[in-house]
Amino acid sequence: GRLLLVEMVIPRGDEPHFGKIQDLEMLLIP
């Protein structure tokens, strides 16, 4: 069976990505 996770996948290094900001929302709230 297949598992499909629709998520922000954080890239390596200093590349700008909204997931890096959203990760703080995850830290603070859920």
Full PDB file with SEQRES, HELIX, SHEET, SSBOND, CRYST1, ORIGX, SCALE, CONECT and MASTER records, all heavy atoms in Angstrom:
SEQRES   1 A   30  GLY ARG LEU LEU LEU VAL GLU MET VAL ILE PRO ARG GLY          
SEQRES   2 A   30  ASP GLU PRO HIS PHE GLY LYS ILE GLN ASP LEU GLU MET          
SEQRES   3 A   30  LEU LEU ILE PRO                                              
HELIX    1 AA1 PHE A   18  LEU A   28  1                                  11    
CRYST1    1.000    1.000    1.000  90.00  90.00  90.00 P 1           1          
ORIGX1      1.000000  0.000000  0.000000        0.00000                         
ORIGX2      0.000000  1.000000  0.000000        0.00000                         
ORIGX3      0.000000  0.000000  1.000000        0.00000                         
SCALE1      1.000000  0.000000  0.000000        0.00000                         
SCALE2      0.000000  1.000000  0.000000        0.00000                         
SCALE3      0.000000  0.000000  1.000000        0.00000                         
ATOM      1  N   GLY A   1       0.821  -1.202   0.000  1.00  0.00           N  
ATOM      2  CA  GLY A   1       0.000   0.000   0.000  1.00  0.00           C  
ATOM      3  C   GLY A   1       0.857   1.253   0.000  1.00  0.00           C  
ATOM      4  O   GLY A   1       2.023   1.242   0.416  1.00  0.00           O  
ATOM      5  N   ARG A   2       0.276   2.332  -0.463  1.00  0.00           N  
ATOM      6  CA  ARG A   2       1.016   3.576  -0.608  1.00  0.00           C  
ATOM      7  C   ARG A   2       0.627   4.596   0.459  1.00  0.00           C  
ATOM      8  O   ARG A   2      -0.541   4.710   0.829  1.00  0.00           O  
ATOM      9  CB  ARG A   2       0.744   4.197  -1.980  1.00  0.00           C  
ATOM     10  CG  ARG A   2       1.939   4.096  -2.923  1.00  0.00           C  
ATOM     11  CD  ARG A   2       1.647   4.845  -4.206  1.00  0.00           C  
ATOM     12  NE  ARG A   2       0.919   4.036  -5.155  1.00  0.00           N  
ATOM     13  CZ  ARG A   2       0.639   4.431  -6.395  1.00  0.00           C  
ATOM     14  NH1 ARG A   2       1.032   5.634  -6.805  1.00  0.00           N  
ATOM     15  NH2 ARG A   2      -0.026   3.649  -7.210  1.00  0.00           N  
ATOM     16  N   LEU A   3       1.605   5.344   0.927  1.00  0.00           N  
ATOM     17  CA  LEU A   3       1.413   6.448   1.859  1.00  0.00           C  
ATOM     18  C   LEU A   3       1.794   7.733   1.141  1.00  0.00           C  
ATOM     19  O   LEU A   3       2.872   7.828   0.536  1.00  0.00           O  
ATOM     20  CB  LEU A   3       2.299   6.260   3.090  1.00  0.00           C  
ATOM     21  CG  LEU A   3       2.249   7.350   4.152  1.00  0.00           C  
ATOM     22  CD1 LEU A   3       0.919   7.280   4.914  1.00  0.00           C  
ATOM     23  CD2 LEU A   3       3.422   7.206   5.127  1.00  0.00           C  
ATOM     24  N   LEU A   4       0.920   8.738   1.190  1.00  0.00           N  
ATOM     25  CA  LEU A   4       1.167  10.018   0.530  1.00  0.00           C  
ATOM     26  C   LEU A   4       1.018  11.142   1.553  1.00  0.00           C  
ATOM     27  O   LEU A   4      -0.081  11.407   2.032  1.00  0.00           O  
ATOM     28  CB  LEU A   4       0.177  10.230  -0.625  1.00  0.00           C  
ATOM     29  CG  LEU A   4       0.111   9.134  -1.683  1.00  0.00           C  
ATOM     30  CD1 LEU A   4      -1.009   9.411  -2.671  1.00  0.00           C  
ATOM     31  CD2 LEU A   4       1.446   9.010  -2.406  1.00  0.00           C  
ATOM     32  N   LEU A   5       2.122  11.773   1.892  1.00  0.00           N  
ATOM     33  CA  LEU A   5       2.119  12.877   2.846  1.00  0.00           C  
ATOM     34  C   LEU A   5       2.347  14.174   2.082  1.00  0.00           C  
ATOM     35  O   LEU A   5       3.383  14.356   1.443  1.00  0.00           O  
ATOM     36  CB  LEU A   5       3.223  12.702   3.892  1.00  0.00           C  
ATOM     37  CG  LEU A   5       3.249  11.390   4.671  1.00  0.00           C  
ATOM     38  CD1 LEU A   5       4.403  11.404   5.671  1.00  0.00           C  
ATOM     39  CD2 LEU A   5       1.924  11.140   5.366  1.00  0.00           C  
ATOM     40  N   VAL A   6       1.371  15.065   2.135  1.00  0.00           N  
ATOM     41  CA  VAL A   6       1.502  16.372   1.504  1.00  0.00           C  
ATOM     42  C   VAL A   6       2.000  17.335   2.577  1.00  0.00           C  
ATOM     43  O   VAL A   6       1.256  17.743   3.465  1.00  0.00           O  
ATOM     44  CB  VAL A   6       0.162  16.835   0.900  1.00  0.00           C  
ATOM     45  CG1 VAL A   6       0.329  18.193   0.222  1.00  0.00           C  
ATOM     46  CG2 VAL A   6      -0.364  15.800  -0.089  1.00  0.00           C  
ATOM     47  N   GLU A   7       3.272  17.663   2.506  1.00  0.00           N  
ATOM     48  CA  GLU A   7       3.935  18.441   3.551  1.00  0.00           C  
ATOM     49  C   GLU A   7       4.974  19.376   2.934  1.00  0.00           C  
ATOM     50  O   GLU A   7       5.396  19.188   1.790  1.00  0.00           O  
ATOM     51  CB  GLU A   7       4.648  17.511   4.544  1.00  0.00           C  
ATOM     52  CG  GLU A   7       3.734  16.570   5.326  1.00  0.00           C  
ATOM     53  CD  GLU A   7       3.029  17.242   6.502  1.00  0.00           C  
ATOM     54  OE1 GLU A   7       3.189  18.483   6.668  1.00  0.00           O  
ATOM     55  OE2 GLU A   7       2.324  16.546   7.241  1.00  0.00           O  
ATOM     56  N   MET A   8       5.392  20.357   3.695  1.00  0.00           N  
ATOM     57  CA  MET A   8       6.539  21.172   3.316  1.00  0.00           C  
ATOM     58  C   MET A   8       7.804  20.391   3.680  1.00  0.00           C  
ATOM     59  O   MET A   8       7.974  20.011   4.836  1.00  0.00           O  
ATOM     60  CB  MET A   8       6.526  22.509   4.037  1.00  0.00           C  
ATOM     61  CG  MET A   8       5.369  23.394   3.645  1.00  0.00           C  
ATOM     62  SD  MET A   8       5.490  25.026   4.424  1.00  0.00           S  
ATOM     63  CE  MET A   8       3.855  25.668   4.048  1.00  0.00           C  
ATOM     64  N   VAL A   9       8.646  20.139   2.709  1.00  0.00           N  
ATOM     65  CA  VAL A   9       9.903  19.436   2.949  1.00  0.00           C  
ATOM     66  C   VAL A   9      11.020  20.471   2.941  1.00  0.00           C  
ATOM     67  O   VAL A   9      11.254  21.145   1.936  1.00  0.00           O  
ATOM     68  CB  VAL A   9      10.149  18.351   1.889  1.00  0.00           C  
ATOM     69  CG1 VAL A   9      11.486  17.652   2.135  1.00  0.00           C  
ATOM     70  CG2 VAL A   9       9.004  17.328   1.892  1.00  0.00           C  
ATOM     71  N   ILE A  10      11.685  20.608   4.065  1.00  0.00           N  
ATOM     72  CA  ILE A  10      12.689  21.670   4.224  1.00  0.00           C  
ATOM     73  C   ILE A  10      13.948  21.335   3.431  1.00  0.00           C  
ATOM     74  O   ILE A  10      14.530  20.255   3.606  1.00  0.00           O  
ATOM     75  CB  ILE A  10      13.028  21.883   5.700  1.00  0.00           C  
ATOM     76  CG1 ILE A  10      11.793  22.406   6.447  1.00  0.00           C  
ATOM     77  CG2 ILE A  10      14.190  22.849   5.858  1.00  0.00           C  
ATOM     78  CD1 ILE A  10      12.028  22.706   7.900  1.00  0.00           C  
ATOM     79  N   PRO A  11      14.389  22.245   2.564  1.00  0.00           N  
ATOM     80  CA  PRO A  11      15.624  22.000   1.815  1.00  0.00           C  
ATOM     81  C   PRO A  11      16.849  22.216   2.687  1.00  0.00           C  
ATOM     82  O   PRO A  11      16.782  22.846   3.747  1.00  0.00           O  
ATOM     83  CB  PRO A  11      15.555  23.035   0.687  1.00  0.00           C  
ATOM     84  CG  PRO A  11      14.766  24.164   1.278  1.00  0.00           C  
ATOM     85  CD  PRO A  11      13.760  23.519   2.196  1.00  0.00           C  
ATOM     86  N   ARG A  12      17.956  21.718   2.210  1.00  0.00           N  
ATOM     87  CA  ARG A  12      19.206  21.879   2.949  1.00  0.00           C  
ATOM     88  C   ARG A  12      19.747  23.292   2.793  1.00  0.00           C  
ATOM     89  O   ARG A  12      19.402  24.020   1.877  1.00  0.00           O  
ATOM     90  CB  ARG A  12      20.244  20.878   2.429  1.00  0.00           C  
ATOM     91  CG  ARG A  12      19.869  19.420   2.670  1.00  0.00           C  
ATOM     92  CD  ARG A  12      20.912  18.498   2.072  1.00  0.00           C  
ATOM     93  NE  ARG A  12      20.599  17.097   2.303  1.00  0.00           N  
ATOM     94  CZ  ARG A  12      21.304  16.084   1.809  1.00  0.00           C  
ATOM     95  NH1 ARG A  12      22.373  16.323   1.067  1.00  0.00           N  
ATOM     96  NH2 ARG A  12      20.938  14.836   2.066  1.00  0.00           N  
ATOM     97  N   GLY A  13      20.649  23.658   3.692  1.00  0.00           N  
ATOM     98  CA  GLY A  13      21.359  24.925   3.578  1.00  0.00           C  
ATOM     99  C   GLY A  13      20.489  26.133   3.851  1.00  0.00           C  
ATOM    100  O   GLY A  13      19.466  26.056   4.521  1.00  0.00           O  
ATOM    101  N   ASP A  14      20.892  27.271   3.294  1.00  0.00           N  
ATOM    102  CA  ASP A  14      20.249  28.545   3.569  1.00  0.00           C  
ATOM    103  C   ASP A  14      19.198  28.929   2.528  1.00  0.00           C  
ATOM    104  O   ASP A  14      18.742  30.075   2.497  1.00  0.00           O  
ATOM    105  CB  ASP A  14      21.304  29.662   3.628  1.00  0.00           C  
ATOM    106  CG  ASP A  14      22.250  29.497   4.809  1.00  0.00           C  
ATOM    107  OD1 ASP A  14      21.840  28.853   5.791  1.00  0.00           O  
ATOM    108  OD2 ASP A  14      23.379  30.007   4.735  1.00  0.00           O  
ATOM    109  N   GLU A  15      18.820  28.007   1.683  1.00  0.00           N  
ATOM    110  CA  GLU A  15      17.819  28.306   0.652  1.00  0.00           C  
ATOM    111  C   GLU A  15      16.525  28.799   1.295  1.00  0.00           C  
ATOM    112  O   GLU A  15      16.003  28.175   2.216  1.00  0.00           O  
ATOM    113  CB  GLU A  15      17.535  27.044  -0.167  1.00  0.00           C  
ATOM    114  CG  GLU A  15      16.470  27.217  -1.233  1.00  0.00           C  
ATOM    115  CD  GLU A  15      16.152  25.912  -1.944  1.00  0.00           C  
ATOM    116  OE1 GLU A  15      16.998  24.997  -1.943  1.00  0.00           O  
ATOM    117  OE2 GLU A  15      15.038  25.813  -2.503  1.00  0.00           O  
ATOM    118  N   PRO A  16      15.982  29.939   0.830  1.00  0.00           N  
ATOM    119  CA  PRO A  16      14.714  30.429   1.405  1.00  0.00           C  
ATOM    120  C   PRO A  16      13.584  29.428   1.151  1.00  0.00           C  
ATOM    121  O   PRO A  16      13.462  28.886   0.053  1.00  0.00           O  
ATOM    122  CB  PRO A  16      14.467  31.737   0.646  1.00  0.00           C  
ATOM    123  CG  PRO A  16      15.789  32.130   0.076  1.00  0.00           C  
ATOM    124  CD  PRO A  16      16.511  30.843  -0.196  1.00  0.00           C  
ATOM    125  N   HIS A  17      12.774  29.176   2.157  1.00  0.00           N  
ATOM    126  CA  HIS A  17      11.633  28.271   2.016  1.00  0.00           C  
ATOM    127  C   HIS A  17      10.660  28.581   3.144  1.00  0.00           C  
ATOM    128  O   HIS A  17      11.060  28.687   4.311  1.00  0.00           O  
ATOM    129  CB  HIS A  17      12.070  26.808   2.078  1.00  0.00           C  
ATOM    130  CG  HIS A  17      11.014  25.848   1.619  1.00  0.00           C  
ATOM    131  ND1 HIS A  17       9.986  25.438   2.433  1.00  0.00           N  
ATOM    132  CD2 HIS A  17      10.828  25.227   0.424  1.00  0.00           C  
ATOM    133  CE1 HIS A  17       9.205  24.595   1.759  1.00  0.00           C  
ATOM    134  NE2 HIS A  17       9.688  24.459   0.542  1.00  0.00           N  
ATOM    135  N   PHE A  18       9.371  28.721   2.814  1.00  0.00           N  
ATOM    136  CA  PHE A  18       8.393  29.069   3.828  1.00  0.00           C  
ATOM    137  C   PHE A  18       8.303  28.003   4.917  1.00  0.00           C  
ATOM    138  O   PHE A  18       7.920  28.298   6.053  1.00  0.00           O  
ATOM    139  CB  PHE A  18       7.016  29.295   3.196  1.00  0.00           C  
ATOM    140  CG  PHE A  18       5.986  29.778   4.175  1.00  0.00           C  
ATOM    141  CD1 PHE A  18       6.146  30.982   4.836  1.00  0.00           C  
ATOM    142  CD2 PHE A  18       4.866  29.021   4.455  1.00  0.00           C  
ATOM    143  CE1 PHE A  18       5.211  31.439   5.752  1.00  0.00           C  
ATOM    144  CE2 PHE A  18       3.919  29.460   5.370  1.00  0.00           C  
ATOM    145  CZ  PHE A  18       4.089  30.670   6.021  1.00  0.00           C  
ATOM    146  N   GLY A  19       8.670  26.768   4.595  1.00  0.00           N  
ATOM    147  CA  GLY A  19       8.645  25.711   5.603  1.00  0.00           C  
ATOM    148  C   GLY A  19       9.523  26.013   6.800  1.00  0.00           C  
ATOM    149  O   GLY A  19       9.236  25.567   7.920  1.00  0.00           O  
ATOM    150  N   LYS A  20      10.570  26.787   6.609  1.00  0.00           N  
ATOM    151  CA  LYS A  20      11.462  27.120   7.716  1.00  0.00           C  
ATOM    152  C   LYS A  20      10.794  28.098   8.687  1.00  0.00           C  
ATOM    153  O   LYS A  20      11.093  28.084   9.887  1.00  0.00           O  
ATOM    154  CB  LYS A  20      12.770  27.711   7.173  1.00  0.00           C  
ATOM    155  CG  LYS A  20      13.570  26.700   6.352  1.00  0.00           C  
ATOM    156  CD  LYS A  20      14.819  27.306   5.748  1.00  0.00           C  
ATOM    157  CE  LYS A  20      15.586  26.273   4.937  1.00  0.00           C  
ATOM    158  NZ  LYS A  20      16.815  26.810   4.325  1.00  0.00           N  
ATOM    159  N   ILE A  21       9.906  28.941   8.172  1.00  0.00           N  
ATOM    160  CA  ILE A  21       9.127  29.828   9.024  1.00  0.00           C  
ATOM    161  C   ILE A  21       7.956  29.069   9.647  1.00  0.00           C  
ATOM    162  O   ILE A  21       7.675  29.194  10.844  1.00  0.00           O  
ATOM    163  CB  ILE A  21       8.613  31.031   8.218  1.00  0.00           C  
ATOM    164  CG1 ILE A  21       9.784  31.792   7.581  1.00  0.00           C  
ATOM    165  CG2 ILE A  21       7.772  31.954   9.083  1.00  0.00           C  
ATOM    166  CD1 ILE A  21      10.762  32.371   8.576  1.00  0.00           C  
ATOM    167  N   GLN A  22       7.302  28.252   8.826  1.00  0.00           N  
ATOM    168  CA  GLN A  22       6.181  27.454   9.321  1.00  0.00           C  
ATOM    169  C   GLN A  22       6.616  26.507  10.431  1.00  0.00           C  
ATOM    170  O   GLN A  22       5.838  26.189  11.336  1.00  0.00           O  
ATOM    171  CB  GLN A  22       5.567  26.656   8.158  1.00  0.00           C  
ATOM    172  CG  GLN A  22       4.378  25.776   8.511  1.00  0.00           C  
ATOM    173  CD  GLN A  22       3.118  26.566   8.827  1.00  0.00           C  
ATOM    174  OE1 GLN A  22       3.084  27.774   8.651  1.00  0.00           O  
ATOM    175  NE2 GLN A  22       2.089  25.887   9.282  1.00  0.00           N  
ATOM    176  N   ASP A  23       7.851  26.069  10.392  1.00  0.00           N  
ATOM    177  CA  ASP A  23       8.378  25.194  11.433  1.00  0.00           C  
ATOM    178  C   ASP A  23       8.306  25.852  12.810  1.00  0.00           C  
ATOM    179  O   ASP A  23       8.111  25.175  13.824  1.00  0.00           O  
ATOM    180  CB  ASP A  23       9.826  24.830  11.097  1.00  0.00           C  
ATOM    181  CG  ASP A  23      10.434  23.869  12.102  1.00  0.00           C  
ATOM    182  OD1 ASP A  23       9.819  22.820  12.373  1.00  0.00           O  
ATOM    183  OD2 ASP A  23      11.515  24.177  12.636  1.00  0.00           O  
ATOM    184  N   LEU A  24       8.426  27.178  12.866  1.00  0.00           N  
ATOM    185  CA  LEU A  24       8.307  27.884  14.140  1.00  0.00           C  
ATOM    186  C   LEU A  24       6.869  27.864  14.652  1.00  0.00           C  
ATOM    187  O   LEU A  24       6.641  27.772  15.862  1.00  0.00           O  
ATOM    188  CB  LEU A  24       8.812  29.320  13.989  1.00  0.00           C  
ATOM    189  CG  LEU A  24      10.272  29.471  13.563  1.00  0.00           C  
ATOM    190  CD1 LEU A  24      10.638  30.945  13.421  1.00  0.00           C  
ATOM    191  CD2 LEU A  24      11.202  28.768  14.544  1.00  0.00           C  
ATOM    192  N   GLU A  25       5.911  27.961  13.745  1.00  0.00           N  
ATOM    193  CA  GLU A  25       4.507  27.807  14.130  1.00  0.00           C  
ATOM    194  C   GLU A  25       4.279  26.433  14.763  1.00  0.00           C  
ATOM    195  O   GLU A  25       3.562  26.290  15.754  1.00  0.00           O  
ATOM    196  CB  GLU A  25       3.616  27.974  12.886  1.00  0.00           C  
ATOM    197  CG  GLU A  25       2.152  27.702  13.114  1.00  0.00           C  
ATOM    198  CD  GLU A  25       1.337  28.930  13.513  1.00  0.00           C  
ATOM    199  OE1 GLU A  25       1.937  29.979  13.810  1.00  0.00           O  
ATOM    200  OE2 GLU A  25       0.104  28.836  13.529  1.00  0.00           O  
ATOM    201  N   MET A  26       4.916  25.423  14.194  1.00  0.00           N  
ATOM    202  CA  MET A  26       4.793  24.066  14.737  1.00  0.00           C  
ATOM    203  C   MET A  26       5.431  23.971  16.124  1.00  0.00           C  
ATOM    204  O   MET A  26       4.894  23.330  17.031  1.00  0.00           O  
ATOM    205  CB  MET A  26       5.456  23.052  13.798  1.00  0.00           C  
ATOM    206  CG  MET A  26       4.824  22.949  12.412  1.00  0.00           C  
ATOM    207  SD  MET A  26       3.080  22.490  12.487  1.00  0.00           S  
ATOM    208  CE  MET A  26       2.287  24.085  12.222  1.00  0.00           C  
ATOM    209  N   LEU A  27       6.574  24.603  16.300  1.00  0.00           N  
ATOM    210  CA  LEU A  27       7.255  24.606  17.595  1.00  0.00           C  
ATOM    211  C   LEU A  27       6.396  25.270  18.661  1.00  0.00           C  
ATOM    212  O   LEU A  27       6.219  24.724  19.761  1.00  0.00           O  
ATOM    213  CB  LEU A  27       8.593  25.339  17.473  1.00  0.00           C  
ATOM    214  CG  LEU A  27       9.327  25.658  18.778  1.00  0.00           C  
ATOM    215  CD1 LEU A  27       9.782  24.385  19.477  1.00  0.00           C  
ATOM    216  CD2 LEU A  27      10.517  26.581  18.508  1.00  0.00           C  
ATOM    217  N   LEU A  28       5.842  26.423  18.351  1.00  0.00           N  
ATOM    218  CA  LEU A  28       5.135  27.226  19.347  1.00  0.00           C  
ATOM    219  C   LEU A  28       3.737  26.715  19.668  1.00  0.00           C  
ATOM    220  O   LEU A  28       3.277  26.852  20.801  1.00  0.00           O  
ATOM    221  CB  LEU A  28       5.027  28.678  18.877  1.00  0.00           C  
ATOM    222  CG  LEU A  28       6.148  29.631  19.291  1.00  0.00           C  
ATOM    223  CD1 LEU A  28       7.498  29.185  18.774  1.00  0.00           C  
ATOM    224  CD2 LEU A  28       5.845  31.044  18.769  1.00  0.00           C  
ATOM    225  N   ILE A  29       3.061  26.141  18.674  1.00  0.00           N  
ATOM    226  CA  ILE A  29       1.628  25.891  18.862  1.00  0.00           C  
ATOM    227  C   ILE A  29       1.292  24.407  19.013  1.00  0.00           C  
ATOM    228  O   ILE A  29       0.957  23.981  20.119  1.00  0.00           O  
ATOM    229  CB  ILE A  29       0.815  26.605  17.768  1.00  0.00           C  
ATOM    230  CG1 ILE A  29       1.052  28.123  17.915  1.00  0.00           C  
ATOM    231  CG2 ILE A  29      -0.669  26.275  17.871  1.00  0.00           C  
ATOM    232  CD1 ILE A  29       0.302  28.996  16.959  1.00  0.00           C  
ATOM    233  N   PRO A  30       1.379  23.557  17.989  1.00  0.00           N  
ATOM    234  CA  PRO A  30       1.009  22.164  18.251  1.00  0.00           C  
ATOM    235  C   PRO A  30       2.138  21.323  18.828  1.00  0.00           C  
ATOM    236  O   PRO A  30       1.897  20.243  19.374  1.00  0.00           O  
ATOM    237  CB  PRO A  30       0.580  21.647  16.879  1.00  0.00           C  
ATOM    238  CG  PRO A  30       1.396  22.431  15.925  1.00  0.00           C  
ATOM    239  CD  PRO A  30       1.573  23.799  16.548  1.00  0.00           C  
TER     240      PRO A  30                                                      
MASTER        0    0    0    1    0    0    0    6  239    1    0    3          
END                                                                             
